[in-house]
């Protein structure tokens, strides 16, 4: 768990990289140099380490959709949202 810069930490046994909301523009490092997109770094790092790179997004970008349709990437779909519809406690409503 960490910011974009966590991708540059040397791990001895990296098994998985999980990038939530991978479509988000905040993963692009524009200032200061070096310029990079953390998603591309995560994919390359996972490949070098023999690890899995899991990109999560409710609204994937066009590039991700294209790579899944071309079977370059594997597409996994959640059947329902996790913890999305929690019950509201009555005391929270009256606030």
PDB file of N, CA and C in Angstrom:
ATOM      1  N   UNK A   1       0.858  -1.179   0.000  1.00  0.00           N
ATOM      2  CA  UNK A   1       0.000   0.000   0.000  1.00  0.00           C
ATOM      3  C   UNK A   1       0.895   1.230   0.000  1.00  0.00           C
ATOM      4  N   UNK A   2       0.646   2.133  -0.930  1.00  0.00           N
ATOM      5  CA  UNK A   2       1.465   3.330  -0.965  1.00  0.00           C
ATOM      6  C   UNK A   2       1.138   4.222  -2.145  1.00  0.00           C
ATOM      7  N   UNK A   3       1.841   5.325  -2.247  1.00  0.00           N
ATOM      8  CA  UNK A   3       1.644   6.253  -3.366  1.00  0.00           C
ATOM      9  C   UNK A   3       2.358   5.742  -4.624  1.00  0.00           C
ATOM     10  N   UNK A   4       2.354   6.543  -5.663  1.00  0.00           N
ATOM     11  CA  UNK A   4       3.033   6.151  -6.913  1.00  0.00           C
ATOM     12  C   UNK A   4       4.478   5.751  -6.671  1.00  0.00           C
ATOM     13  N   UNK A   5       5.149   6.484  -5.803  1.00  0.00           N
ATOM     14  CA  UNK A   5       6.575   6.231  -5.564  1.00  0.00           C
ATOM     15  C   UNK A   5       6.832   4.864  -4.931  1.00  0.00           C
ATOM     16  N   UNK A   6       5.810   4.219  -4.368  1.00  0.00           N
ATOM     17  CA  UNK A   6       5.979   2.885  -3.785  1.00  0.00           C
ATOM     18  C   UNK A   6       6.387   1.865  -4.847  1.00  0.00           C
ATOM     19  N   UNK A   7       6.139   2.178  -6.102  1.00  0.00           N
ATOM     20  CA  UNK A   7       6.532   1.269  -7.185  1.00  0.00           C
ATOM     21  C   UNK A   7       8.038   1.186  -7.375  1.00  0.00           C
ATOM     22  N   UNK A   8       8.769   2.091  -6.753  1.00  0.00           N
ATOM     23  CA  UNK A   8      10.221   2.112  -6.913  1.00  0.00           C
ATOM     24  C   UNK A   8      10.952   1.522  -5.709  1.00  0.00           C
ATOM     25  N   UNK A   9      10.216   0.917  -4.794  1.00  0.00           N
ATOM     26  CA  UNK A   9      10.816   0.253  -3.638  1.00  0.00           C
ATOM     27  C   UNK A   9      11.250  -1.146  -4.071  1.00  0.00           C
ATOM     28  N   UNK A  10      12.495  -1.529  -3.801  1.00  0.00           N
ATOM     29  CA  UNK A  10      12.933  -2.873  -4.199  1.00  0.00           C
ATOM     30  C   UNK A  10      12.363  -3.934  -3.253  1.00  0.00           C
ATOM     31  N   UNK A  11      11.631  -4.867  -3.803  1.00  0.00           N
ATOM     32  CA  UNK A  11      11.069  -5.966  -3.021  1.00  0.00           C
ATOM     33  C   UNK A  11      11.824  -7.242  -3.356  1.00  0.00           C
ATOM     34  N   UNK A  12      12.023  -8.086  -2.351  1.00  0.00           N
ATOM     35  CA  UNK A  12      12.714  -9.349  -2.612  1.00  0.00           C
ATOM     36  C   UNK A  12      11.740 -10.420  -3.099  1.00  0.00           C
ATOM     37  N   UNK A  13      10.510 -10.399  -2.608  1.00  0.00           N
ATOM     38  CA  UNK A  13       9.513 -11.399  -3.007  1.00  0.00           C
ATOM     39  C   UNK A  13       8.180 -10.703  -3.266  1.00  0.00           C
ATOM     40  N   UNK A  14       8.061 -10.095  -4.403  1.00  0.00           N
ATOM     41  CA  UNK A  14       6.826  -9.404  -4.764  1.00  0.00           C
ATOM     42  C   UNK A  14       5.892 -10.390  -5.444  1.00  0.00           C
ATOM     43  N   UNK A  15       4.683 -10.543  -4.913  1.00  0.00           N
ATOM     44  CA  UNK A  15       3.728 -11.493  -5.477  1.00  0.00           C
ATOM     45  C   UNK A  15       2.606 -10.840  -6.256  1.00  0.00           C
ATOM     46  N   UNK A  16       2.180  -9.653  -5.801  1.00  0.00           N
ATOM     47  CA  UNK A  16       1.052  -8.988  -6.458  1.00  0.00           C
ATOM     48  C   UNK A  16       1.156  -7.472  -6.288  1.00  0.00           C
ATOM     49  N   UNK A  17       0.750  -6.756  -7.312  1.00  0.00           N
ATOM     50  CA  UNK A  17       0.597  -5.305  -7.258  1.00  0.00           C
ATOM     51  C   UNK A  17      -0.871  -5.030  -7.543  1.00  0.00           C
ATOM     52  N   UNK A  18      -1.535  -4.341  -6.637  1.00  0.00           N
ATOM     53  CA  UNK A  18      -2.942  -3.989  -6.814  1.00  0.00           C
ATOM     54  C   UNK A  18      -3.030  -2.485  -6.977  1.00  0.00           C
ATOM     55  N   UNK A  19      -3.615  -2.049  -8.066  1.00  0.00           N
ATOM     56  CA  UNK A  19      -3.789  -0.621  -8.325  1.00  0.00           C
ATOM     57  C   UNK A  19      -5.287  -0.348  -8.428  1.00  0.00           C
ATOM     58  N   UNK A  20      -5.832   0.287  -7.394  1.00  0.00           N
ATOM     59  CA  UNK A  20      -7.259   0.601  -7.379  1.00  0.00           C
ATOM     60  C   UNK A  20      -7.506   1.887  -8.153  1.00  0.00           C
ATOM     61  N   UNK A  21      -8.643   1.956  -8.807  1.00  0.00           N
ATOM     62  CA  UNK A  21      -9.018   3.114  -9.636  1.00  0.00           C
ATOM     63  C   UNK A  21      -7.912   3.413 -10.651  1.00  0.00           C
ATOM     64  N   UNK A  22      -7.499   2.390 -11.356  1.00  0.00           N
ATOM     65  CA  UNK A  22      -6.352   2.502 -12.265  1.00  0.00           C
ATOM     66  C   UNK A  22      -6.577   3.465 -13.424  1.00  0.00           C
ATOM     67  N   UNK A  23      -7.804   3.861 -13.650  1.00  0.00           N
ATOM     68  CA  UNK A  23      -8.108   4.812 -14.723  1.00  0.00           C
ATOM     69  C   UNK A  23      -7.797   6.258 -14.329  1.00  0.00           C
ATOM     70  N   UNK A  24      -7.580   6.500 -13.050  1.00  0.00           N
ATOM     71  CA  UNK A  24      -7.449   7.861 -12.524  1.00  0.00           C
ATOM     72  C   UNK A  24      -6.207   8.573 -13.061  1.00  0.00           C
ATOM     73  N   UNK A  25      -6.387   9.824 -13.464  1.00  0.00           N
ATOM     74  CA  UNK A  25      -5.277  10.619 -14.010  1.00  0.00           C
ATOM     75  C   UNK A  25      -4.204  10.946 -12.975  1.00  0.00           C
ATOM     76  N   UNK A  26      -4.510  10.807 -11.698  1.00  0.00           N
ATOM     77  CA  UNK A  26      -3.514  11.133 -10.675  1.00  0.00           C
ATOM     78  C   UNK A  26      -2.348  10.139 -10.675  1.00  0.00           C
ATOM     79  N   UNK A  27      -2.490   9.031 -11.383  1.00  0.00           N
ATOM     80  CA  UNK A  27      -1.384   8.078 -11.492  1.00  0.00           C
ATOM     81  C   UNK A  27      -0.327   8.531 -12.488  1.00  0.00           C
ATOM     82  N   UNK A  28      -0.605   9.606 -13.209  1.00  0.00           N
ATOM     83  CA  UNK A  28       0.380  10.134 -14.153  1.00  0.00           C
ATOM     84  C   UNK A  28       1.245  11.166 -13.448  1.00  0.00           C
ATOM     85  N   UNK A  29       2.544  10.958 -13.458  1.00  0.00           N
ATOM     86  CA  UNK A  29       3.501  11.876 -12.842  1.00  0.00           C
ATOM     87  C   UNK A  29       3.928  12.879 -13.897  1.00  0.00           C
ATOM     88  N   UNK A  30       3.461  14.131 -13.768  1.00  0.00           N
ATOM     89  CA  UNK A  30       3.800  15.132 -14.780  1.00  0.00           C
ATOM     90  C   UNK A  30       4.863  16.117 -14.305  1.00  0.00           C
ATOM     91  N   UNK A  31       4.904  16.398 -13.047  1.00  0.00           N
ATOM     92  CA  UNK A  31       5.916  17.305 -12.488  1.00  0.00           C
ATOM     93  C   UNK A  31       6.313  16.784 -11.123  1.00  0.00           C
ATOM     94  N   UNK A  32       7.522  16.809 -10.750  1.00  0.00           N
ATOM     95  CA  UNK A  32       8.734  17.037 -11.533  1.00  0.00           C
ATOM     96  C   UNK A  32       9.105  15.788 -12.328  1.00  0.00           C
ATOM     97  N   UNK A  33      10.152  15.919 -13.109  1.00  0.00           N
ATOM     98  CA  UNK A  33      10.633  14.773 -13.875  1.00  0.00           C
ATOM     99  C   UNK A  33      11.138  13.702 -12.926  1.00  0.00           C
ATOM    100  N   UNK A  34      11.120  12.463 -13.261  1.00  0.00           N
ATOM    101  CA  UNK A  34      10.794  11.880 -14.558  1.00  0.00           C
ATOM    102  C   UNK A  34       9.277  11.740 -14.733  1.00  0.00           C
ATOM    103  N   UNK A  35       8.815  11.866 -15.970  1.00  0.00           N
ATOM    104  CA  UNK A  35       7.405  11.715 -16.288  1.00  0.00           C
ATOM    105  C   UNK A  35       7.111  10.229 -16.485  1.00  0.00           C
ATOM    106  N   UNK A  36       6.073   9.746 -15.838  1.00  0.00           N
ATOM    107  CA  UNK A  36       5.709   8.338 -15.999  1.00  0.00           C
ATOM    108  C   UNK A  36       4.258   8.146 -15.613  1.00  0.00           C
ATOM    109  N   UNK A  37       3.699   7.052 -16.080  1.00  0.00           N
ATOM    110  CA  UNK A  37       2.356   6.656 -15.666  1.00  0.00           C
ATOM    111  C   UNK A  37       2.525   5.442 -14.763  1.00  0.00           C
ATOM    112  N   UNK A  38       2.037   5.556 -13.549  1.00  0.00           N
ATOM    113  CA  UNK A  38       2.239   4.498 -12.556  1.00  0.00           C
ATOM    114  C   UNK A  38       1.655   3.162 -13.007  1.00  0.00           C
ATOM    115  N   UNK A  39       0.587   3.195 -13.804  1.00  0.00           N
ATOM    116  CA  UNK A  39       0.009   1.935 -14.279  1.00  0.00           C
ATOM    117  C   UNK A  39       1.018   1.185 -15.152  1.00  0.00           C
ATOM    118  N   UNK A  40       1.688   1.884 -16.051  1.00  0.00           N
ATOM    119  CA  UNK A  40       2.677   1.244 -16.916  1.00  0.00           C
ATOM    120  C   UNK A  40       3.873   0.746 -16.114  1.00  0.00           C
ATOM    121  N   UNK A  41       4.275   1.514 -15.110  1.00  0.00           N
ATOM    122  CA  UNK A  41       5.380   1.093 -14.240  1.00  0.00           C
ATOM    123  C   UNK A  41       4.982  -0.158 -13.460  1.00  0.00           C
ATOM    124  N   UNK A  42       3.754  -0.182 -12.936  1.00  0.00           N
ATOM    125  CA  UNK A  42       3.276  -1.337 -12.166  1.00  0.00           C
ATOM    126  C   UNK A  42       3.252  -2.594 -13.024  1.00  0.00           C
ATOM    127  N   UNK A  43       2.775  -2.458 -14.247  1.00  0.00           N
ATOM    128  CA  UNK A  43       2.709  -3.609 -15.157  1.00  0.00           C
ATOM    129  C   UNK A  43       4.113  -4.126 -15.471  1.00  0.00           C
ATOM    130  N   UNK A  44       5.029  -3.220 -15.772  1.00  0.00           N
ATOM    131  CA  UNK A  44       6.405  -3.620 -16.095  1.00  0.00           C
ATOM    132  C   UNK A  44       7.102  -4.234 -14.884  1.00  0.00           C
ATOM    133  N   UNK A  45       6.911  -3.632 -13.713  1.00  0.00           N
ATOM    134  CA  UNK A  45       7.541  -4.130 -12.485  1.00  0.00           C
ATOM    135  C   UNK A  45       7.027  -5.530 -12.152  1.00  0.00           C
ATOM    136  N   UNK A  46       5.721  -5.726 -12.258  1.00  0.00           N
ATOM    137  CA  UNK A  46       5.148  -7.043 -11.987  1.00  0.00           C
ATOM    138  C   UNK A  46       5.704  -8.078 -12.966  1.00  0.00           C
ATOM    139  N   UNK A  47       5.820  -7.701 -14.223  1.00  0.00           N
ATOM    140  CA  UNK A  47       6.364  -8.614 -15.235  1.00  0.00           C
ATOM    141  C   UNK A  47       7.808  -9.003 -14.900  1.00  0.00           C
ATOM    142  N   UNK A  48       8.617  -8.022 -14.521  1.00  0.00           N
ATOM    143  CA  UNK A  48      10.019  -8.292 -14.177  1.00  0.00           C
ATOM    144  C   UNK A  48      10.150  -9.207 -12.962  1.00  0.00           C
ATOM    145  N   UNK A  49       9.228  -9.060 -12.000  1.00  0.00           N
ATOM    146  CA  UNK A  49       9.292  -9.838 -10.760  1.00  0.00           C
ATOM    147  C   UNK A  49       8.535 -11.155 -10.846  1.00  0.00           C
ATOM    148  N   UNK A  50       7.827 -11.379 -11.941  1.00  0.00           N
ATOM    149  CA  UNK A  50       7.003 -12.579 -12.043  1.00  0.00           C
ATOM    150  C   UNK A  50       5.785 -12.494 -11.151  1.00  0.00           C
ATOM    151  N   UNK A  51       5.329 -11.283 -10.887  1.00  0.00           N
ATOM    152  CA  UNK A  51       4.184 -11.055 -10.009  1.00  0.00           C
ATOM    153  C   UNK A  51       2.926 -10.790 -10.837  1.00  0.00           C
ATOM    154  N   UNK A  52       1.803 -10.766 -10.161  1.00  0.00           N
ATOM    155  CA  UNK A  52       0.519 -10.441 -10.776  1.00  0.00           C
ATOM    156  C   UNK A  52       0.271  -8.955 -10.603  1.00  0.00           C
ATOM    157  N   UNK A  53      -0.250  -8.314 -11.632  1.00  0.00           N
ATOM    158  CA  UNK A  53      -0.641  -6.910 -11.539  1.00  0.00           C
ATOM    159  C   UNK A  53      -2.150  -6.853 -11.712  1.00  0.00           C
ATOM    160  N   UNK A  54      -2.853  -6.436 -10.673  1.00  0.00           N
ATOM    161  CA  UNK A  54      -4.313  -6.365 -10.679  1.00  0.00           C
ATOM    162  C   UNK A  54      -4.726  -4.905 -10.737  1.00  0.00           C
ATOM    163  N   UNK A  55      -5.375  -4.518 -11.829  1.00  0.00           N
ATOM    164  CA  UNK A  55      -5.838  -3.149 -12.008  1.00  0.00           C
ATOM    165  C   UNK A  55      -7.336  -3.119 -11.755  1.00  0.00           C
ATOM    166  N   UNK A  56      -7.756  -2.316 -10.791  1.00  0.00           N
ATOM    167  CA  UNK A  56      -9.169  -2.220 -10.467  1.00  0.00           C
ATOM    168  C   UNK A  56      -9.753  -0.899 -10.920  1.00  0.00           C
ATOM    169  N   UNK A  57     -10.968  -0.953 -11.468  1.00  0.00           N
ATOM    170  CA  UNK A  57     -11.632   0.270 -11.892  1.00  0.00           C
ATOM    171  C   UNK A  57     -13.103  -0.007 -12.159  1.00  0.00           C
ATOM    172  N   UNK A  58     -13.972   0.871 -11.652  1.00  0.00           N
ATOM    173  CA  UNK A  58     -15.391   0.784 -11.982  1.00  0.00           C
ATOM    174  C   UNK A  58     -15.635   1.346 -13.375  1.00  0.00           C
ATOM    175  N   UNK A  59     -14.736   2.226 -13.819  1.00  0.00           N
ATOM    176  CA  UNK A  59     -14.853   2.854 -15.141  1.00  0.00           C
ATOM    177  C   UNK A  59     -13.504   2.775 -15.851  1.00  0.00           C
ATOM    178  N   UNK A  60     -13.146   1.613 -16.381  1.00  0.00           N
ATOM    179  CA  UNK A  60     -11.833   1.460 -17.011  1.00  0.00           C
ATOM    180  C   UNK A  60     -11.666   2.375 -18.223  1.00  0.00           C
ATOM    181  N   UNK A  61     -10.436   2.771 -18.462  1.00  0.00           N
ATOM    182  CA  UNK A  61     -10.158   3.630 -19.612  1.00  0.00           C
ATOM    183  C   UNK A  61     -10.145   2.802 -20.897  1.00  0.00           C
ATOM    184  N   UNK A  62     -10.122   3.493 -22.019  1.00  0.00           N
ATOM    185  CA  UNK A  62     -10.198   2.842 -23.327  1.00  0.00           C
ATOM    186  C   UNK A  62      -9.032   1.882 -23.550  1.00  0.00           C
ATOM    187  N   UNK A  63      -7.847   2.261 -23.117  1.00  0.00           N
ATOM    188  CA  UNK A  63      -6.675   1.401 -23.294  1.00  0.00           C
ATOM    189  C   UNK A  63      -6.857   0.068 -22.573  1.00  0.00           C
ATOM    190  N   UNK A  64      -7.362   0.111 -21.359  1.00  0.00           N
ATOM    191  CA  UNK A  64      -7.572  -1.123 -20.590  1.00  0.00           C
ATOM    192  C   UNK A  64      -8.626  -2.007 -21.247  1.00  0.00           C
ATOM    193  N   UNK A  65      -9.707  -1.402 -21.703  1.00  0.00           N
ATOM    194  CA  UNK A  65     -10.763  -2.169 -22.378  1.00  0.00           C
ATOM    195  C   UNK A  65     -10.208  -2.822 -23.644  1.00  0.00           C
ATOM    196  N   UNK A  66      -9.444  -2.059 -24.406  1.00  0.00           N
ATOM    197  CA  UNK A  66      -8.854  -2.573 -25.646  1.00  0.00           C
ATOM    198  C   UNK A  66      -7.937  -3.763 -25.367  1.00  0.00           C
ATOM    199  N   UNK A  67      -7.115  -3.653 -24.348  1.00  0.00           N
ATOM    200  CA  UNK A  67      -6.182  -4.747 -24.033  1.00  0.00           C
ATOM    201  C   UNK A  67      -6.913  -5.991 -23.544  1.00  0.00           C
ATOM    202  N   UNK A  68      -8.029  -5.807 -22.864  1.00  0.00           N
ATOM    203  CA  UNK A  68      -8.834  -6.956 -22.430  1.00  0.00           C
ATOM    204  C   UNK A  68      -9.536  -7.605 -23.619  1.00  0.00           C
ATOM    205  N   UNK A  69     -10.068  -6.797 -24.520  1.00  0.00           N
ATOM    206  CA  UNK A  69     -10.751  -7.346 -25.694  1.00  0.00           C
ATOM    207  C   UNK A  69      -9.771  -8.052 -26.619  1.00  0.00           C
ATOM    208  N   UNK A  70      -8.550  -7.561 -26.678  1.00  0.00           N
ATOM    209  CA  UNK A  70      -7.520  -8.203 -27.492  1.00  0.00           C
ATOM    210  C   UNK A  70      -6.871  -9.380 -26.793  1.00  0.00           C
ATOM    211  N   UNK A  71      -7.353  -9.707 -25.611  1.00  0.00           N
ATOM    212  CA  UNK A  71      -6.880 -10.828 -24.799  1.00  0.00           C
ATOM    213  C   UNK A  71      -5.426 -10.693 -24.380  1.00  0.00           C
ATOM    214  N   UNK A  72      -4.914  -9.465 -24.409  1.00  0.00           N
ATOM    215  CA  UNK A  72      -3.577  -9.206 -23.867  1.00  0.00           C
ATOM    216  C   UNK A  72      -3.645  -9.225 -22.338  1.00  0.00           C
ATOM    217  N   UNK A  73      -4.782  -8.736 -21.820  1.00  0.00           N
ATOM    218  CA  UNK A  73      -5.036  -8.748 -20.385  1.00  0.00           C
ATOM    219  C   UNK A  73      -6.265  -9.591 -20.123  1.00  0.00           C
ATOM    220  N   UNK A  74      -6.372 -10.073 -18.904  1.00  0.00           N
ATOM    221  CA  UNK A  74      -7.530 -10.852 -18.494  1.00  0.00           C
ATOM    222  C   UNK A  74      -8.520  -9.947 -17.778  1.00  0.00           C
ATOM    223  N   UNK A  75      -9.785 -10.078 -18.089  1.00  0.00           N
ATOM    224  CA  UNK A  75     -10.840  -9.247 -17.509  1.00  0.00           C
ATOM    225  C   UNK A  75     -11.584 -10.036 -16.440  1.00  0.00           C
ATOM    226  N   UNK A  76     -11.638  -9.491 -15.240  1.00  0.00           N
ATOM    227  CA  UNK A  76     -12.387 -10.101 -14.144  1.00  0.00           C
ATOM    228  C   UNK A  76     -13.473  -9.124 -13.724  1.00  0.00           C
ATOM    229  N   UNK A  77     -14.683  -9.611 -13.529  1.00  0.00           N
ATOM    230  CA  UNK A  77     -15.798  -8.733 -13.181  1.00  0.00           C
ATOM    231  C   UNK A  77     -16.359  -9.123 -11.822  1.00  0.00           C
ATOM    232  N   UNK A  78     -16.580  -8.119 -10.971  1.00  0.00           N
ATOM    233  CA  UNK A  78     -17.230  -8.364  -9.690  1.00  0.00           C
ATOM    234  C   UNK A  78     -18.733  -8.446  -9.928  1.00  0.00           C
ATOM    235  N   UNK A  79     -19.398  -9.462  -9.394  1.00  0.00           N
ATOM    236  CA  UNK A  79     -20.842  -9.579  -9.620  1.00  0.00           C
ATOM    237  C   UNK A  79     -21.647  -8.488  -8.917  1.00  0.00           C
ATOM    238  N   UNK A  80     -21.099  -7.948  -7.842  1.00  0.00           N
ATOM    239  CA  UNK A  80     -21.776  -6.859  -7.131  1.00  0.00           C
ATOM    240  C   UNK A  80     -20.731  -6.047  -6.379  1.00  0.00           C
ATOM    241  N   UNK A  81     -21.120  -4.842  -5.995  1.00  0.00           N
ATOM    242  CA  UNK A  81     -20.196  -3.976  -5.275  1.00  0.00           C
ATOM    243  C   UNK A  81     -20.029  -4.470  -3.844  1.00  0.00           C
ATOM    244  N   UNK A  82     -18.834  -4.389  -3.335  1.00  0.00           N
ATOM    245  CA  UNK A  82     -18.534  -4.832  -1.980  1.00  0.00           C
ATOM    246  C   UNK A  82     -18.834  -3.687  -1.012  1.00  0.00           C
ATOM    247  N   UNK A  83     -19.617  -3.946   0.006  1.00  0.00           N
ATOM    248  CA  UNK A  83     -19.960  -2.970   1.049  1.00  0.00           C
ATOM    249  C   UNK A  83     -20.565  -1.679   0.493  1.00  0.00           C
ATOM    250  N   UNK A  84     -21.181  -1.744  -0.658  1.00  0.00           N
ATOM    251  CA  UNK A  84     -21.730  -0.526  -1.263  1.00  0.00           C
ATOM    252  C   UNK A  84     -23.062  -0.119  -0.645  1.00  0.00           C
ATOM    253  N   UNK A  85     -23.805  -1.070  -0.167  1.00  0.00           N
ATOM    254  CA  UNK A  85     -25.142  -0.764   0.338  1.00  0.00           C
ATOM    255  C   UNK A  85     -25.264  -1.136   1.814  1.00  0.00           C
ATOM    256  N   UNK A  86     -24.510  -0.447   2.627  1.00  0.00           N
ATOM    257  CA  UNK A  86     -24.578  -0.695   4.064  1.00  0.00           C
ATOM    258  C   UNK A  86     -25.872  -0.117   4.618  1.00  0.00           C
ATOM    259  N   UNK A  87     -26.354  -0.704   5.681  1.00  0.00           N
ATOM    260  CA  UNK A  87     -27.553  -0.177   6.328  1.00  0.00           C
ATOM    261  C   UNK A  87     -27.193   1.092   7.087  1.00  0.00           C
ATOM    262  N   UNK A  88     -28.062   2.069   7.005  1.00  0.00           N
ATOM    263  CA  UNK A  88     -27.854   3.325   7.716  1.00  0.00           C
ATOM    264  C   UNK A  88     -28.472   3.195   9.099  1.00  0.00           C
ATOM    265  N   UNK A  89     -27.701   3.527  10.109  1.00  0.00           N
ATOM    266  CA  UNK A  89     -28.187   3.475  11.481  1.00  0.00           C
ATOM    267  C   UNK A  89     -29.111   4.666  11.712  1.00  0.00           C
ATOM    268  N   UNK A  90     -30.215   4.456  12.420  1.00  0.00           N
ATOM    269  CA  UNK A  90     -31.218   5.497  12.637  1.00  0.00           C
ATOM    270  C   UNK A  90     -30.611   6.771  13.220  1.00  0.00           C
ATOM    271  N   UNK A  91     -29.636   6.657  14.111  1.00  0.00           N
ATOM    272  CA  UNK A  91     -29.025   7.845  14.716  1.00  0.00           C
ATOM    273  C   UNK A  91     -28.254   8.667  13.684  1.00  0.00           C
ATOM    274  N   UNK A  92     -27.793   8.049  12.634  1.00  0.00           N
ATOM    275  CA  UNK A  92     -27.087   8.780  11.584  1.00  0.00           C
ATOM    276  C   UNK A  92     -28.051   9.591  10.727  1.00  0.00           C
ATOM    277  N   UNK A  93     -29.267   9.124  10.585  1.00  0.00           N
ATOM    278  CA  UNK A  93     -30.256   9.831   9.777  1.00  0.00           C
ATOM    279  C   UNK A  93     -30.680  11.125  10.447  1.00  0.00           C
ATOM    280  N   UNK A  94     -30.795  11.124  11.760  1.00  0.00           N
ATOM    281  CA  UNK A  94     -31.294  12.303  12.478  1.00  0.00           C
ATOM    282  C   UNK A  94     -30.250  13.400  12.629  1.00  0.00           C
ATOM    283  N   UNK A  95     -29.052  13.183  12.240  1.00  0.00           N
ATOM    284  CA  UNK A  95     -28.002  14.202  12.379  1.00  0.00           C
ATOM    285  C   UNK A  95     -28.178  15.334  11.448  1.00  0.00           C
TER     286      UNK A  95
END
